[in-house]
């Protein structure tokens, strides 16, 4: 199936030598490609970012199957899975919220093409995962998160890789949806995409020997919508004049995650007292 590419380049949401020269023409792209962009509402297509030949970012529409396929892997992605340069949505499930104590149990990843991959780690895992680590650490491949701060800390502590460059939909929401304090993934998917996701499995046991179908579907849903949310927030950030501020926040997030790991999870080290 052939992809269609929207003729626009967004600045700084990919990295590389050419990043400083990016230009943005979101408004004209919306006008010229309204028919393509509107297909998002039908949930038959999604917008995906792919690194172009010069390191720029192109928005490409990909046909998405009406029924998603969820694949569960043990300890790493199989060879050849998720190869390429398109953006990947990433999320993690742990035994709790204390990264140093509560081990990484599951990592979810998708390139937005309709398949979601779950990588499960057993107790005592060495987290070698060379295929997964290669994708997460690729400096020319954008990683999409919702509340990246937590996931980045878990990925860096257990997988020993910095998952950047990145885009965080929660930060983008806080910067553009200042009329509300509801920035959870469930709320964003409902308001911006018109879909519902269940959060019933959020606090379940991710370290058990068997994952239920409900757990697998919940885990997959955490990455299922991030490409479409990313496309929406790129436009909103530009509209509100906050693209550069968002990028600065995204660039700082790996350092914020390291501060969490070093013992400053709650203290504001920039505050006067």
Protein backbone atom coordinates (compact mmCIF):
# COMPACT_ATOMS: atom_id res chain seq x y z
CA UNK A 1 0.00 0.00 0.00
CA UNK A 2 1.47 3.36 -1.04
CA UNK A 3 1.73 6.22 1.43
CA UNK A 4 0.75 9.80 0.64
CA UNK A 5 2.99 12.56 1.92
CA UNK A 6 1.82 16.00 3.00
CA UNK A 7 4.12 18.69 1.65
CA UNK A 8 5.30 20.36 4.82
CA UNK A 9 8.25 20.30 7.17
CA UNK A 10 8.00 20.88 10.91
CA UNK A 11 10.93 22.38 12.81
CA UNK A 12 12.98 20.71 15.49
CA UNK A 13 10.78 17.73 16.23
CA UNK A 14 13.51 15.64 14.66
CA UNK A 15 17.19 16.02 15.26
CA UNK A 16 20.15 16.00 12.93
CA UNK A 17 22.59 18.36 11.26
CA UNK A 18 19.87 20.06 9.22
CA UNK A 19 17.56 20.73 12.17
CA UNK A 20 18.42 24.41 12.50
CA UNK A 21 17.29 25.07 8.94
CA UNK A 22 13.77 23.71 9.21
CA UNK A 23 10.85 25.87 8.19
CA UNK A 24 7.21 25.57 9.19
CA UNK A 25 4.16 26.05 7.00
CA UNK A 26 1.43 24.38 9.01
CA UNK A 27 -1.36 26.78 8.07
CA UNK A 28 -0.79 26.50 4.34
CA UNK A 29 -0.44 22.75 4.66
CA UNK A 30 -3.77 22.55 6.43
CA UNK A 31 -5.42 24.51 3.64
CA UNK A 32 -3.77 22.55 0.86
CA UNK A 33 -4.31 19.17 2.46
CA UNK A 34 -7.55 19.60 4.37
CA UNK A 35 -9.02 16.49 2.83
CA UNK A 36 -6.11 14.39 4.04
CA UNK A 37 -6.04 15.88 7.52
CA UNK A 38 -9.77 15.47 7.95
CA UNK A 39 -9.44 11.73 7.45
CA UNK A 40 -8.04 11.54 10.96
CA UNK A 41 -11.57 11.94 12.24
CA UNK A 42 -12.67 8.80 10.42
CA UNK A 43 -9.92 6.84 12.22
CA UNK A 44 -9.02 5.19 8.90
CA UNK A 45 -5.73 7.04 8.62
CA UNK A 46 -3.21 8.39 11.04
CA UNK A 47 -0.48 10.99 10.71
CA UNK A 48 3.01 9.71 11.22
CA UNK A 49 6.34 11.53 11.34
CA UNK A 50 9.24 10.16 9.34
CA UNK A 51 12.75 11.54 9.05
CA UNK A 52 13.34 12.81 5.52
CA UNK A 53 16.51 12.56 3.50
CA UNK A 54 17.83 15.82 4.93
CA UNK A 55 16.86 14.98 8.51
CA UNK A 56 13.62 16.99 8.26
CA UNK A 57 10.24 15.73 9.33
CA UNK A 58 7.45 14.90 6.93
CA UNK A 59 3.87 14.11 7.85
CA UNK A 60 2.71 11.01 6.05
CA UNK A 61 -0.72 9.43 6.05
CA UNK A 62 -0.75 5.68 6.43
CA UNK A 63 -3.74 3.45 6.08
CA UNK A 64 -4.46 1.83 9.43
CA UNK A 65 -6.37 -1.43 9.69
CA UNK A 66 -9.71 -1.15 11.43
CA UNK A 67 -8.55 -3.99 13.68
CA UNK A 68 -5.20 -3.50 15.37
CA UNK A 69 -2.77 -6.36 15.86
CA UNK A 70 -1.01 -6.63 19.21
CA UNK A 71 2.17 -8.71 19.43
CA UNK A 72 3.77 -9.85 22.68
CA UNK A 73 7.51 -10.51 22.69
CA UNK A 74 9.84 -11.73 25.41
CA UNK A 75 12.94 -9.67 26.32
CA UNK A 76 13.37 -7.94 22.93
CA UNK A 77 11.81 -7.13 19.59
CA UNK A 78 12.40 -9.74 16.88
CA UNK A 79 14.92 -8.93 14.17
CA UNK A 80 13.50 -6.70 11.45
CA UNK A 81 10.53 -5.37 13.44
CA UNK A 82 9.95 -1.58 13.34
CA UNK A 83 12.92 -0.94 11.10
CA UNK A 84 13.02 2.37 9.27
CA UNK A 85 12.99 6.02 10.26
CA UNK A 86 9.36 6.76 11.13
CA UNK A 87 8.45 8.04 14.58
CA UNK A 88 7.62 5.46 17.24
CA UNK A 89 5.17 5.81 20.11
CA UNK A 90 6.54 4.45 23.39
CA UNK A 91 5.13 3.68 26.83
CA UNK A 92 6.17 1.57 29.82
CA UNK A 93 4.55 -0.47 32.58
CA UNK A 94 6.37 -1.01 35.87
CA UNK A 95 5.67 -2.65 39.21
CA UNK A 96 5.06 0.76 40.76
CA UNK A 97 6.00 4.43 40.62
CA UNK A 98 9.41 4.21 42.30
CA UNK A 99 11.76 3.60 39.38
CA UNK A 100 14.70 2.49 41.53
CA UNK A 101 12.56 -0.06 43.38
CA UNK A 102 9.84 -1.07 40.93
CA UNK A 103 11.23 -2.90 37.94
CA UNK A 104 10.35 -2.32 34.30
CA UNK A 105 7.97 -5.09 33.28
CA UNK A 106 6.70 -4.11 29.85
CA UNK A 107 7.54 -1.65 27.09
CA UNK A 108 5.00 -0.83 24.39
CA UNK A 109 6.06 0.51 21.01
CA UNK A 110 4.36 1.24 17.69
CA UNK A 111 5.23 3.05 14.45
CA UNK A 112 1.59 4.00 13.89
CA UNK A 113 1.03 1.56 11.03
CA UNK A 114 -1.57 -0.45 12.96
CA UNK A 115 0.56 -2.99 14.84
CA UNK A 116 1.50 -2.54 18.48
CA UNK A 117 4.40 -4.46 19.98
CA UNK A 118 4.69 -5.30 23.67
CA UNK A 119 8.10 -6.35 25.00
CA UNK A 120 7.92 -8.13 28.35
CA UNK A 121 10.85 -8.45 30.75
CA UNK A 122 11.03 -11.28 33.28
CA UNK A 123 12.16 -10.89 36.91
CA UNK A 124 15.95 -10.84 36.90
CA UNK A 125 16.14 -9.72 33.26
CA UNK A 126 19.44 -8.25 32.10
CA UNK A 127 17.48 -5.89 29.81
CA UNK A 128 19.98 -6.46 26.99
CA UNK A 129 17.30 -6.04 24.25
CA UNK A 130 19.68 -4.96 21.45
CA UNK A 131 16.96 -4.47 18.83
CA UNK A 132 14.77 -2.40 21.12
CA UNK A 133 17.67 -0.36 22.46
CA UNK A 134 18.82 0.44 18.91
CA UNK A 135 15.43 1.92 18.05
CA UNK A 136 15.06 3.85 21.31
CA UNK A 137 18.55 5.29 21.06
CA UNK A 138 18.39 6.24 17.37
CA UNK A 139 19.21 9.99 17.32
CA UNK A 140 17.40 10.43 14.00
CA UNK A 141 14.13 8.79 15.06
CA UNK A 142 11.47 10.67 16.98
CA UNK A 143 9.97 9.01 20.06
CA UNK A 144 6.43 9.96 21.12
CA UNK A 145 5.39 9.74 24.77
CA UNK A 146 2.62 10.79 27.09
CA UNK A 147 4.26 11.92 30.34
CA UNK A 148 7.72 11.18 29.01
CA UNK A 149 9.43 12.04 32.29
CA UNK A 150 8.47 8.76 33.94
CA UNK A 151 9.10 6.56 30.91
CA UNK A 152 12.48 8.14 30.18
CA UNK A 153 13.66 7.42 33.72
CA UNK A 154 12.58 3.77 33.53
CA UNK A 155 14.14 3.30 30.09
CA UNK A 156 17.41 4.92 31.09
CA UNK A 157 17.69 3.07 34.41
CA UNK A 158 16.86 -0.41 33.09
CA UNK A 159 17.69 -0.36 29.38
CA UNK A 160 20.65 2.03 29.73
CA UNK A 161 19.62 4.18 26.78
CA UNK A 162 18.35 7.75 26.38
CA UNK A 163 15.17 7.69 24.32
CA UNK A 164 15.60 10.94 22.37
CA UNK A 165 14.73 12.98 20.37
CA UNK A 166 11.24 13.01 21.80
CA UNK A 167 7.84 14.65 21.89
CA UNK A 168 5.62 14.54 24.98
CA UNK A 169 1.89 14.97 24.40
CA UNK A 170 1.28 15.83 28.06
CA UNK A 171 3.66 18.77 27.96
CA UNK A 172 2.24 19.83 24.60
CA UNK A 173 -1.24 19.72 26.13
CA UNK A 174 -0.19 21.82 29.11
CA UNK A 175 1.32 24.41 26.79
CA UNK A 176 -1.66 24.65 24.44
CA UNK A 177 -4.75 23.66 26.45
CA UNK A 178 -4.38 26.24 29.21
CA UNK A 179 -8.15 26.45 29.58
CA UNK A 180 -8.24 23.13 31.47
CA UNK A 181 -6.29 21.04 33.96
CA UNK A 182 -7.32 17.77 32.31
CA UNK A 183 -4.23 16.58 30.47
CA UNK A 184 -4.48 12.81 30.93
CA UNK A 185 -4.24 10.53 27.91
CA UNK A 186 -7.83 9.39 28.30
CA UNK A 187 -9.07 13.00 28.21
CA UNK A 188 -6.92 13.94 25.22
CA UNK A 189 -8.01 10.94 23.17
CA UNK A 190 -11.65 11.66 23.97
CA UNK A 191 -11.55 15.41 23.28
CA UNK A 192 -9.18 15.59 20.32
CA UNK A 193 -9.76 12.27 18.58
CA UNK A 194 -13.29 11.31 19.65
CA UNK A 195 -12.25 7.87 20.93
CA UNK A 196 -12.54 6.19 24.31
CA UNK A 197 -9.85 4.22 26.10
CA UNK A 198 -10.20 2.27 29.32
CA UNK A 199 -7.84 2.82 32.26
CA UNK A 200 -9.12 -0.08 34.37
CA UNK A 201 -5.86 -2.05 34.05
CA UNK A 202 -3.60 0.88 34.93
CA UNK A 203 -2.86 -0.39 38.45
CA UNK A 204 -2.80 -4.11 37.70
CA UNK A 205 0.09 -6.53 38.33
CA UNK A 206 2.40 -6.18 35.35
CA UNK A 207 4.97 -8.56 36.76
CA UNK A 208 2.84 -11.70 36.73
CA UNK A 209 3.70 -14.76 34.62
CA UNK A 210 0.71 -14.22 32.32
CA UNK A 211 -0.74 -11.01 30.95
CA UNK A 212 -4.49 -11.02 30.47
CA UNK A 213 -6.08 -9.92 27.22
CA UNK A 214 -7.40 -6.86 29.04
CA UNK A 215 -3.88 -5.96 30.18
CA UNK A 216 -2.46 -6.38 26.68
CA UNK A 217 -5.20 -4.27 25.14
CA UNK A 218 -4.75 -1.55 27.78
CA UNK A 219 -0.98 -1.52 27.25
CA UNK A 220 -1.37 -1.30 23.48
CA UNK A 221 -3.91 1.52 23.74
CA UNK A 222 -1.31 3.67 25.50
CA UNK A 223 0.66 3.95 22.23
CA UNK A 224 -2.21 3.54 19.76
CA UNK A 225 -3.20 7.21 19.60
CA UNK A 226 0.09 9.04 20.13
CA UNK A 227 0.88 9.61 16.46
CA UNK A 228 -2.46 11.31 15.88
CA UNK A 229 -2.15 13.36 19.06
CA UNK A 230 1.36 14.41 18.04
CA UNK A 231 0.11 15.66 14.67
CA UNK A 232 -2.63 17.68 16.37
CA UNK A 233 -0.31 19.25 18.93
CA UNK A 234 2.32 20.21 16.35
CA UNK A 235 -0.35 22.39 14.75
CA UNK A 236 -1.60 23.80 18.06
CA UNK A 237 1.88 24.65 19.31
CA UNK A 238 2.60 26.57 16.13
CA UNK A 239 -0.77 28.32 16.29
CA UNK A 240 -0.07 29.52 19.85
CA UNK A 241 3.53 30.48 19.14
CA UNK A 242 4.93 27.92 21.59
CA UNK A 243 6.83 25.57 19.31
CA UNK A 244 10.27 26.70 20.47
CA UNK A 245 9.30 26.56 24.14
CA UNK A 246 7.91 23.04 23.68
CA UNK A 247 11.12 21.91 22.00
CA UNK A 248 13.19 23.34 24.83
CA UNK A 249 11.07 21.38 27.31
CA UNK A 250 11.45 18.18 25.30
CA UNK A 251 15.22 18.64 25.06
CA UNK A 252 15.43 19.08 28.84
CA UNK A 253 13.28 16.06 29.74
CA UNK A 254 16.09 13.46 29.73
CA UNK A 255 17.92 15.64 32.27
CA UNK A 256 14.76 16.00 34.36
CA UNK A 257 14.44 12.21 34.38
CA UNK A 258 18.05 11.89 35.54
CA UNK A 259 17.37 14.33 38.36
CA UNK A 260 14.51 12.03 39.42
CA UNK A 261 16.87 9.07 39.44
CA UNK A 262 19.48 11.03 41.41
CA UNK A 263 17.07 11.85 44.22
CA UNK A 264 15.40 15.13 43.22
CA UNK A 265 11.95 13.91 42.12
CA UNK A 266 9.94 16.61 43.90
CA UNK A 267 12.36 19.41 44.71
CA UNK A 268 12.45 22.39 42.37
CA UNK A 269 16.17 23.08 42.18
CA UNK A 270 15.46 26.33 40.33
CA UNK A 271 13.35 27.76 43.16
CA UNK A 272 14.72 30.44 45.50
CA UNK A 273 13.94 28.37 48.60
